[in-house]
Protein backbone atom coordinates (compact mmCIF):
# COMPACT_ATOMS: atom_id res chain seq x y z
CA UNK A 1 105.11 85.67 29.55
CA UNK A 2 104.13 88.13 32.10
CA UNK A 3 106.94 89.48 33.99
CA UNK A 4 106.47 89.23 37.85
CA UNK A 5 105.36 92.06 39.88
CA UNK A 6 107.91 94.26 41.38
CA UNK A 7 108.50 93.44 45.11
CA UNK A 8 106.50 95.83 47.04
CA UNK A 9 108.52 98.37 49.55
CA UNK A 10 108.40 97.37 53.25
CA UNK A 11 105.61 98.86 55.34
CA UNK A 12 107.46 101.81 57.54
CA UNK A 13 105.15 101.37 60.31
CA UNK A 14 106.45 97.40 60.45
CA UNK A 15 109.66 98.21 59.93
CA UNK A 16 109.55 100.58 62.89
CA UNK A 17 107.93 98.08 65.32
CA UNK A 18 110.21 95.14 64.14
CA UNK A 19 113.33 97.63 65.01
CA UNK A 20 111.71 98.49 68.38
CA UNK A 21 111.55 94.48 69.25
CA UNK A 22 115.18 94.38 68.03
CA UNK A 23 116.50 97.22 70.00
CA UNK A 24 114.59 95.40 73.18
CA UNK A 25 116.63 92.16 72.68
CA UNK A 26 119.50 94.15 72.51
CA UNK A 27 118.96 95.94 76.02
CA UNK A 28 118.15 92.54 77.38
CA UNK A 29 121.40 90.96 75.90
CA UNK A 30 123.50 93.93 77.56
CA UNK A 31 121.24 94.06 80.74
CA UNK A 32 122.68 90.76 81.33
CA UNK A 33 126.34 91.94 80.62
CA UNK A 34 125.51 94.92 83.15
CA UNK A 35 124.33 92.26 85.63
CA UNK A 36 127.71 90.50 85.21
CA UNK A 37 129.68 93.69 85.71
CA UNK A 38 127.84 94.69 88.52
CA UNK A 39 128.51 91.55 90.48
CA UNK A 40 132.31 91.93 89.56
CA UNK A 41 132.02 95.41 90.92
CA UNK A 42 130.49 93.87 94.13
CA UNK A 43 133.23 91.20 94.31
CA UNK A 44 136.23 93.41 93.74
CA UNK A 45 134.98 95.75 96.61
CA UNK A 46 134.89 92.95 98.66
CA UNK A 47 138.28 92.08 98.09
CA UNK A 48 139.00 95.62 99.33
CA UNK A 49 137.30 94.92 102.52
CA UNK A 50 136.44 98.69 103.43
CA UNK A 51 136.16 99.21 107.22
CA UNK A 52 134.22 101.59 109.38
CA UNK A 53 135.81 104.97 109.49
CA UNK A 54 133.88 106.60 112.47
CA UNK A 55 135.43 107.79 115.46
CA UNK A 56 132.56 106.95 117.92
CA UNK A 57 129.49 105.17 118.13
CA UNK A 58 128.40 101.60 117.02
CA UNK A 59 130.72 100.04 114.39
CA UNK A 60 129.54 98.89 110.95
CA UNK A 61 130.26 95.56 109.71
CA UNK A 62 132.37 95.42 106.56
CA UNK A 63 129.46 93.86 104.90
CA UNK A 64 127.45 96.79 105.70
CA UNK A 65 130.14 99.23 104.76
CA UNK A 66 130.64 97.55 101.23
CA UNK A 67 127.27 97.82 100.42
CA UNK A 68 126.48 101.49 101.47
CA UNK A 69 129.55 102.42 99.37
CA UNK A 70 128.75 100.10 96.35
CA UNK A 71 125.25 101.53 96.27
CA UNK A 72 126.06 105.46 96.89
CA UNK A 73 128.67 105.03 93.88
CA UNK A 74 126.18 103.39 91.74
CA UNK A 75 123.53 105.62 92.06
CA UNK A 76 125.38 108.54 91.23
CA UNK A 77 127.28 106.92 88.32
CA UNK A 78 124.05 105.87 86.99
CA UNK A 79 121.88 108.93 88.01
CA UNK A 80 119.67 106.23 89.66
CA UNK A 81 118.01 106.84 93.08
CA UNK A 82 119.57 104.43 95.73
CA UNK A 83 116.40 102.55 95.96
CA UNK A 84 116.43 101.67 92.30
CA UNK A 85 120.44 100.90 92.61
CA UNK A 86 119.84 98.66 95.38
CA UNK A 87 117.03 96.99 92.97
CA UNK A 88 119.71 96.96 90.42
CA UNK A 89 122.49 95.46 92.57
CA UNK A 90 120.15 92.86 94.45
CA UNK A 91 118.73 91.77 90.89
CA UNK A 92 122.11 91.45 89.15
CA UNK A 93 123.81 89.54 92.07
CA UNK A 94 120.81 86.93 91.99
CA UNK A 95 120.79 86.52 88.62
CA UNK A 96 124.43 85.44 88.50
CA UNK A 97 124.79 83.49 91.52
CA UNK A 98 121.51 81.96 92.13
CA UNK A 99 119.51 82.04 88.86
CA UNK A 100 121.40 80.97 85.84
CA UNK A 101 118.37 80.10 83.84
CA UNK A 102 116.72 83.38 83.96
CA UNK A 103 120.38 84.99 83.14
CA UNK A 104 120.70 82.71 80.15
CA UNK A 105 117.11 83.92 78.96
CA UNK A 106 117.96 87.58 79.61
CA UNK A 107 121.47 87.18 77.56
CA UNK A 108 119.72 85.54 74.93
CA UNK A 109 117.16 88.52 74.53
CA UNK A 110 114.47 86.28 75.28
CA UNK A 111 112.98 88.00 78.46
CA UNK A 112 113.49 91.67 79.53
CA UNK A 113 115.24 93.14 82.55
CA UNK A 114 111.85 94.17 83.84
CA UNK A 115 111.21 90.39 83.67
CA UNK A 116 114.54 89.38 85.61
CA UNK A 117 113.60 91.80 88.14
CA UNK A 118 110.57 90.43 89.20
CA UNK A 119 111.79 86.81 89.09
CA UNK A 120 114.72 87.77 91.40
CA UNK A 121 112.41 89.66 93.94
CA UNK A 122 110.54 86.73 94.69
CA UNK A 123 113.27 84.52 94.39
CA UNK A 124 114.68 85.94 97.81
CA UNK A 125 113.97 83.26 100.45
CA UNK A 126 114.29 80.32 98.24
CA UNK A 127 117.21 77.97 98.44
CA UNK A 128 118.33 74.57 96.94
CA UNK A 129 116.05 72.67 94.82
CA UNK A 130 113.00 74.92 95.29
CA UNK A 131 115.25 77.54 94.10
CA UNK A 132 116.41 75.54 91.22
CA UNK A 133 112.87 74.65 90.50
CA UNK A 134 111.67 78.11 90.60
CA UNK A 135 114.21 79.39 88.29
CA UNK A 136 113.51 76.75 85.46
CA UNK A 137 109.59 77.24 85.79
CA UNK A 138 110.03 81.32 85.72
CA UNK A 139 112.60 81.45 82.85
CA UNK A 140 109.94 79.80 80.68
CA UNK A 141 107.31 81.64 82.03
CA UNK A 142 108.63 84.96 81.71
CA UNK A 143 108.93 84.29 77.68
CA UNK A 144 105.23 84.13 77.57
CA UNK A 145 103.78 87.20 79.54
CA UNK A 146 104.45 90.76 80.56
CA UNK A 147 106.19 91.56 83.78
CA UNK A 148 102.84 92.22 85.52
CA UNK A 149 101.49 89.02 84.48
CA UNK A 150 104.49 87.28 85.77
CA UNK A 151 104.29 89.00 89.25
CA UNK A 152 101.13 86.92 89.92
CA UNK A 153 102.66 83.87 88.38
CA UNK A 154 105.99 84.14 90.41
CA UNK A 155 103.80 84.57 93.83
CA UNK A 156 101.96 81.51 93.26
CA UNK A 157 105.11 79.57 92.41
CA UNK A 158 106.88 80.96 95.72
CA UNK A 159 103.92 79.67 97.42
CA UNK A 160 104.45 76.33 96.09
CA UNK A 161 107.67 76.33 97.10
CA UNK A 162 108.03 78.90 100.09
CA UNK A 163 109.61 77.66 103.69
CA UNK A 164 108.07 80.52 105.15
CA UNK A 165 104.54 80.94 106.09
CA UNK A 166 102.54 83.59 104.21
CA UNK A 167 101.93 85.43 107.37
CA UNK A 168 105.49 85.52 108.07
CA UNK A 169 106.11 87.01 104.58
CA UNK A 170 103.37 89.69 105.03
CA UNK A 171 104.81 90.64 108.55
CA UNK A 172 108.36 91.09 106.80
CA UNK A 173 106.77 92.93 104.01
CA UNK A 174 104.75 95.43 106.34
CA UNK A 175 108.17 96.45 107.49
CA UNK A 176 108.74 98.06 104.00
CA UNK A 177 105.74 100.38 104.30
CA UNK A 178 106.80 104.30 103.60
CA UNK A 179 105.64 106.99 101.49
CA UNK A 180 107.42 109.26 99.22
CA UNK A 181 107.13 112.24 96.90
CA UNK A 182 107.57 112.68 93.22
CA UNK A 183 107.48 116.03 91.53
CA UNK A 184 105.58 116.32 88.43
CA UNK A 185 105.12 119.00 85.82
CA UNK A 186 103.05 122.29 86.06
CA UNK A 187 103.42 122.65 89.77
CA UNK A 188 101.93 119.23 90.57
CA UNK A 189 103.36 116.36 92.58
CA UNK A 190 102.72 112.62 93.04
CA UNK A 191 102.26 111.26 96.65
CA UNK A 192 102.83 107.29 97.02
CA UNK A 193 101.76 105.44 99.80
CA UNK A 194 103.03 101.86 100.27
CA UNK A 195 101.15 100.17 102.87
CA UNK A 196 99.53 96.59 103.47
CA UNK A 197 97.01 96.01 100.70
CA UNK A 198 93.82 96.06 103.05
CA UNK A 199 94.65 99.44 104.20
CA UNK A 200 95.34 100.76 100.81
CA UNK A 201 91.84 99.21 99.29
CA UNK A 202 89.99 100.34 102.47
CA UNK A 203 91.28 104.04 101.73
CA UNK A 204 90.63 103.72 98.22
CA UNK A 205 87.03 102.47 99.09
CA UNK A 206 86.33 105.19 101.42
CA UNK A 207 87.72 107.75 98.98
CA UNK A 208 85.01 106.56 96.42
CA UNK A 209 82.07 106.24 99.10
CA UNK A 210 82.95 110.04 100.07
CA UNK A 211 83.20 111.36 96.61
CA UNK A 212 80.18 109.31 95.31
CA UNK A 213 78.15 111.06 98.18
CA UNK A 214 79.31 114.50 97.08
CA UNK A 215 78.50 113.67 93.57
CA UNK A 216 74.78 112.62 94.50
CA UNK A 217 74.46 115.83 96.22
CA UNK A 218 74.98 117.73 93.30
CA UNK A 219 78.87 118.62 93.54
CA UNK A 220 79.78 119.23 89.68
CA UNK A 221 83.59 118.06 90.15
CA UNK A 222 84.42 114.72 88.28
CA UNK A 223 84.67 111.53 90.43
CA UNK A 224 88.34 111.38 89.81
CA UNK A 225 88.79 114.95 91.40
CA UNK A 226 86.19 114.36 94.08
CA UNK A 227 88.21 111.11 95.15
CA UNK A 228 91.44 113.37 95.43
CA UNK A 229 90.13 116.55 96.87
CA UNK A 230 88.19 114.29 99.78
CA UNK A 231 91.55 112.55 100.62
CA UNK A 232 93.37 115.86 100.67
CA UNK A 233 91.06 117.19 102.72
CA UNK A 234 91.09 114.27 105.33
CA UNK A 235 94.88 114.33 105.57
CA UNK A 236 95.25 117.94 105.83
CA UNK A 237 92.32 118.46 108.20
CA UNK A 238 91.47 115.30 109.79
CA UNK A 239 92.66 114.28 113.54
CA UNK A 240 94.89 110.84 113.64
CA UNK A 241 93.19 108.15 115.90
CA UNK A 242 96.74 106.40 117.05
CA UNK A 243 97.11 106.74 120.67
CA UNK A 244 100.08 109.05 121.40
CA UNK A 245 99.85 111.08 118.13
CA UNK A 246 99.93 114.60 118.78
CA UNK A 247 96.68 116.42 117.46
CA UNK A 248 96.19 119.83 115.99
CA UNK A 249 99.08 119.42 113.89
CA UNK A 250 98.84 121.23 110.48
CA UNK A 251 101.14 120.59 107.59
CA UNK A 252 103.91 123.89 106.59
CA UNK A 253 105.00 124.94 103.52
CA UNK A 254 107.93 127.25 102.83
CA UNK A 255 107.80 129.40 99.86
CA UNK A 256 110.66 132.08 99.04
CA UNK A 257 109.37 135.14 97.29
CA UNK A 258 111.79 137.68 96.17
CA UNK A 259 110.77 141.11 97.86
CA UNK A 260 111.08 142.82 94.14
CA UNK A 261 108.36 140.10 92.90
CA UNK A 262 105.95 140.94 96.04
CA UNK A 263 106.67 144.93 95.31
CA UNK A 264 105.64 144.59 91.45
CA UNK A 265 109.24 145.53 90.64
CA UNK A 266 110.76 142.20 89.66
CA UNK A 267 109.57 139.26 87.99
CA UNK A 268 111.74 136.59 89.79
CA UNK A 269 109.68 133.25 90.05
CA UNK A 270 108.80 132.00 93.76
CA UNK A 271 110.24 128.88 95.04
CA UNK A 272 108.29 125.96 96.72
CA UNK A 273 110.74 124.30 99.13
CA UNK A 274 111.12 120.75 98.06
CA UNK A 275 109.43 121.03 94.86
CA UNK A 276 111.02 124.49 92.75
CA UNK A 277 109.60 127.25 90.80
CA UNK A 278 105.87 127.84 91.24
CA UNK A 279 103.38 130.13 89.36
CA UNK A 280 102.83 133.76 90.40
CA UNK A 281 99.39 133.13 91.04
CA UNK A 282 99.82 130.14 93.49
CA UNK A 283 102.62 132.08 95.17
CA UNK A 284 100.26 134.88 95.61
CA UNK A 285 97.38 132.67 96.94
CA UNK A 286 99.98 131.09 99.63
CA UNK A 287 101.41 134.27 100.58
CA UNK A 288 97.92 136.00 101.16
CA UNK A 289 96.82 133.11 103.18
CA UNK A 290 100.18 132.47 105.26
CA UNK A 291 99.80 132.84 109.18
CA UNK A 292 103.46 134.11 109.56
CA UNK A 293 106.30 135.75 107.42
CA UNK A 294 109.93 135.74 108.05
CA UNK A 295 112.22 138.14 106.32
CA UNK A 296 115.41 136.38 105.10
CA UNK A 297 117.79 138.80 103.52
CA UNK A 298 119.99 137.99 100.44
CA UNK A 299 122.65 139.38 98.75
CA UNK A 300 121.50 141.16 95.52
CA UNK A 301 124.47 140.79 93.71
CA UNK A 302 125.47 137.00 94.48
CA UNK A 303 121.95 135.88 95.60
CA UNK A 304 123.60 134.22 98.71
CA UNK A 305 121.33 134.03 102.01
CA UNK A 306 122.91 136.36 104.66
CA UNK A 307 123.73 135.11 107.97
CA UNK A 308 124.65 136.50 111.37
CA UNK A 309 127.96 135.47 113.17
CA UNK A 310 127.78 132.48 115.69
CA UNK A 311 128.02 133.11 119.28
CA UNK A 312 127.41 129.76 120.77
CA UNK A 313 129.40 126.63 121.13
CA UNK A 314 126.63 124.44 119.83
CA UNK A 315 124.57 125.38 116.47
CA UNK A 316 122.14 128.29 117.05
CA UNK A 317 118.40 128.08 115.79
CA UNK A 318 119.48 130.82 113.50
CA UNK A 319 122.50 128.83 112.35
CA UNK A 320 120.21 126.03 111.64
CA UNK A 321 117.61 127.88 109.99
CA UNK A 322 120.28 129.28 107.63
CA UNK A 323 121.83 126.02 106.84
CA UNK A 324 118.39 124.83 106.09
CA UNK A 325 117.48 127.77 103.87
CA UNK A 326 120.57 127.77 101.81
CA UNK A 327 120.23 123.61 101.46
CA UNK A 328 116.29 122.91 101.33
CA UNK A 329 117.41 119.19 101.23
CA UNK A 330 120.05 116.74 102.17
CA UNK A 331 123.49 117.84 100.79
CA UNK A 332 124.33 113.97 99.97
CA UNK A 333 124.83 114.00 96.20
CA UNK A 334 121.21 112.68 94.66
CA UNK A 335 119.37 112.73 97.95
CA UNK A 336 115.93 114.43 98.30
CA UNK A 337 115.53 114.54 101.92
CA UNK A 338 114.01 117.77 103.00
CA UNK A 339 116.57 119.80 105.41
CA UNK A 340 113.78 119.74 108.07
CA UNK A 341 114.08 116.02 108.45
CA UNK A 342 117.89 116.02 108.24
CA UNK A 343 120.71 116.22 110.85
CA UNK A 344 122.71 119.29 111.04
CA UNK A 345 126.24 118.27 110.38
CA UNK A 346 129.63 119.78 110.75
CA UNK A 347 131.34 119.20 107.49
CA UNK A 348 134.49 119.19 109.07
CA UNK A 349 134.16 117.09 112.08
CA UNK A 350 134.26 119.10 115.41
CA UNK A 351 136.37 116.76 117.03
CA UNK A 352 138.97 117.73 114.64
CA UNK A 353 138.72 121.16 114.85
CA UNK A 354 135.73 122.11 112.58
CA UNK A 355 133.86 125.20 114.04
CA UNK A 356 130.22 125.61 114.75
CA UNK A 357 129.76 128.20 112.15
CA UNK A 358 127.36 128.41 109.08
CA UNK A 359 130.44 127.79 106.68
CA UNK A 360 130.99 124.62 108.35
CA UNK A 361 127.18 123.39 108.82
CA UNK A 362 124.82 121.60 106.60
CA UNK A 363 121.92 119.14 106.52
CA UNK A 364 122.43 115.43 106.30
CA UNK A 365 119.63 112.91 106.16
CA UNK A 366 120.05 110.67 109.07
CA UNK A 367 121.08 107.52 106.69
CA UNK A 368 123.64 109.55 104.92
CA UNK A 369 124.93 111.28 108.13
CA UNK A 370 125.96 107.64 109.05
CA UNK A 371 127.34 107.31 105.57
CA UNK A 372 129.48 110.07 105.99
CA UNK A 373 130.78 109.10 109.16
CA UNK A 374 131.10 105.21 108.58
CA UNK A 375 132.20 105.03 104.99
CA UNK A 376 135.14 106.80 102.90
CA UNK A 377 132.97 109.55 101.38
CA UNK A 378 134.48 113.09 102.23
CA UNK A 379 133.13 116.31 102.21
CA UNK A 380 134.57 120.07 101.89
CA UNK A 381 132.68 123.35 102.09
CA UNK A 382 134.18 125.69 99.51
CA UNK A 383 133.08 129.02 101.10
CA UNK A 384 130.31 129.78 98.61
CA UNK A 385 127.53 127.54 99.93
CA UNK A 386 128.82 124.96 97.54
CA UNK A 387 130.39 121.49 98.94
CA UNK A 388 132.39 119.10 97.19
CA UNK A 389 131.84 115.39 97.81
CA UNK A 390 134.48 112.75 96.94
CA UNK A 391 133.36 109.16 96.66
CA UNK A 392 135.34 106.27 98.19
CA UNK A 393 136.41 105.43 94.36
CA UNK A 394 137.26 109.11 93.88
CA UNK A 395 134.56 110.63 92.19
CA UNK A 396 133.98 114.23 92.66
CA UNK A 397 130.46 115.87 92.94
CA UNK A 398 129.87 119.46 93.41
CA UNK A 399 126.68 120.18 95.76
CA UNK A 400 125.23 123.74 94.82
CA UNK A 401 122.71 125.71 96.95
CA UNK A 402 119.36 125.39 95.97
CA UNK A 403 118.24 127.89 98.57
CA UNK A 404 119.68 130.85 96.54
CA UNK A 405 117.97 133.50 94.27
CA UNK A 406 118.97 134.71 91.13
CA UNK A 407 121.20 137.77 91.57
CA UNK A 408 119.35 140.96 90.78
CA UNK A 409 119.40 142.17 87.42
CA UNK A 410 122.30 144.79 87.06
CA UNK A 411 119.92 147.61 85.96
CA UNK A 412 117.69 147.20 89.13
CA UNK A 413 120.77 147.05 91.39
CA UNK A 414 121.45 150.42 89.52
CA UNK A 415 118.38 151.81 89.97
CA UNK A 416 118.10 150.87 93.58
CA UNK A 417 121.56 152.45 94.54
CA UNK A 418 120.34 155.86 92.92
CA UNK A 419 117.00 155.62 94.74
CA UNK A 420 116.89 158.16 97.30
CA UNK A 421 114.29 156.49 99.50
CA UNK A 422 115.24 154.39 102.49
CA UNK A 423 115.05 150.79 102.63
CA UNK A 424 112.29 150.87 104.98
CA UNK A 425 110.01 153.27 102.76
CA UNK A 426 111.04 150.61 99.84
CA UNK A 427 109.65 147.83 101.76
CA UNK A 428 106.35 149.39 103.04
CA UNK A 429 104.49 147.39 100.99
CA UNK A 430 105.94 144.46 102.09
CA UNK A 431 103.73 141.95 104.14
CA UNK A 432 106.29 141.14 106.41
């Protein structure tokens, strides 16, 4: 009798694929557990009934204080943005309280967290029998399609059961329009524009038509590059047609370039405000085209920006500039709002003796300024341009200054101290 052939070894590629699928199932199950824990956290915070801690102005409701404290706590603990944290919280609460069948499918690993987010988002305005029918239908559909396909099906199902009209929902959605910036690698960044679909498609169509015209005229750039370039040109050089909009405004960029680098002595990278280090060639081009310069003195030993003493009751322009240079972004942990768009806050409340001095001023975005005054978040200036932020739950975060150059190398400091030339002579080649 011929012996049976030995069993063949499993294909490593197939094994790896199966393991990925199995891990996704585990992630889905853990996501369901996380949804329950997020909801537990919300309920326990609700029992604490935190109240508005501000001393003046409109008072926040307990519900608003609860939500803000929960979102800021979770965002920092899980290293999410507050927007993504709000999606996590809203999805979790919806699953636990209103979408039992979707939660069951997630717990079984039959659908992903991304599917659950889609289902929860579109269930927002459904109630009673309409909500139950939607939950049952989408929990099944989610096992058959990917999240993008599910998005279309969810909109269709909601349309059939939606108590509000499509016009009402479109008006509500238009209220969420916004732009935001995401840094990318190698000196690039992404600008996202969330706006009504007709406007977005019209913008894209105009870009295509302008790019096509340039391409026809012999421009060697690709269509993809041309679309980006014509939109950039329109945004930077076009004028608004909205009544009341100021004309002639041009965008500004702030680049911190160490003077030693400008003079060809050091090799410290330049810093583009709101982005980070940029390559020397880009820095050179920006500085060459600059219409104005401002000299900012820094301590070569510590890298701290030096400031003058305060002389007025209210922050002077110099104090505000100093605070914005030290902290180019809002000092609330995790926030990326540029300091130019933020409020100038007395870290220690002026009403309680906080001085109007550089060591007590820091930029806070309008939203986080309110969070600081209405919730149990606490901030302390440490005297070295760092701040300590303590959350309502007692977690401590250190906010470090981004507007600081690295201290000069010891050898460079030694050489400079031994130099017999005056500072004016050393800076003779500096363009500002």
